[in-house]
Amino acid sequence: MEAAPGGSAKLGAALFAALLIVAVVAFAATRAVRSEDDLVNTVELTKRLEPGGSARVAFELARADGSVDVLIIDGNPGGDDSQVRALALDEDLPAGPAVYSWDGRADDGEPAPPGLYAIRVILGEQDRDILPPGRIRIAAGGEG
């Protein structure tokens, strides 16, 4: 028994359409799950902290949280992500923009050594620990 002319082409087109629909649905589902995970958005960090200056640390929270910690951490490659400075501890933040300033000092009041620093945002009520992208550089004695 021989297939009707054009039957293979129709079957191929139907399979292609089905695969395309599956791909679109999978993409939409992935985006929906990912958007629920985007709790800290639009992160802005001053790229370079000059002596005597301050670095801007800004981000947007997708949802309010009543127990937020905003920390400056060691952001050097191979570093241990240890806390350098707490900008906020157990703070009640609404959804929307949050802006902080870091003077380049550690928790003990001493200047942080040259290197790269990152932020860690801990959302206590949502039990989330987020390390957004971006780094602040403190250069050694006038380095570029």
Foldseek 3Di string as FASTA:
>chain_A
DDDDPCPVVVVVVVVVVVVVVVVVVVVVVVVVVVVVVPQKADWDWAAEAEQQGKIKTKIFGQAWAQFKWKFKFAPAVVDDRHGFDTQDGRHGGGGTMDMTIGNQHGNVRHHDDFHKIFMWMQRVVVRDIDTDDGIYTYHPPPDD
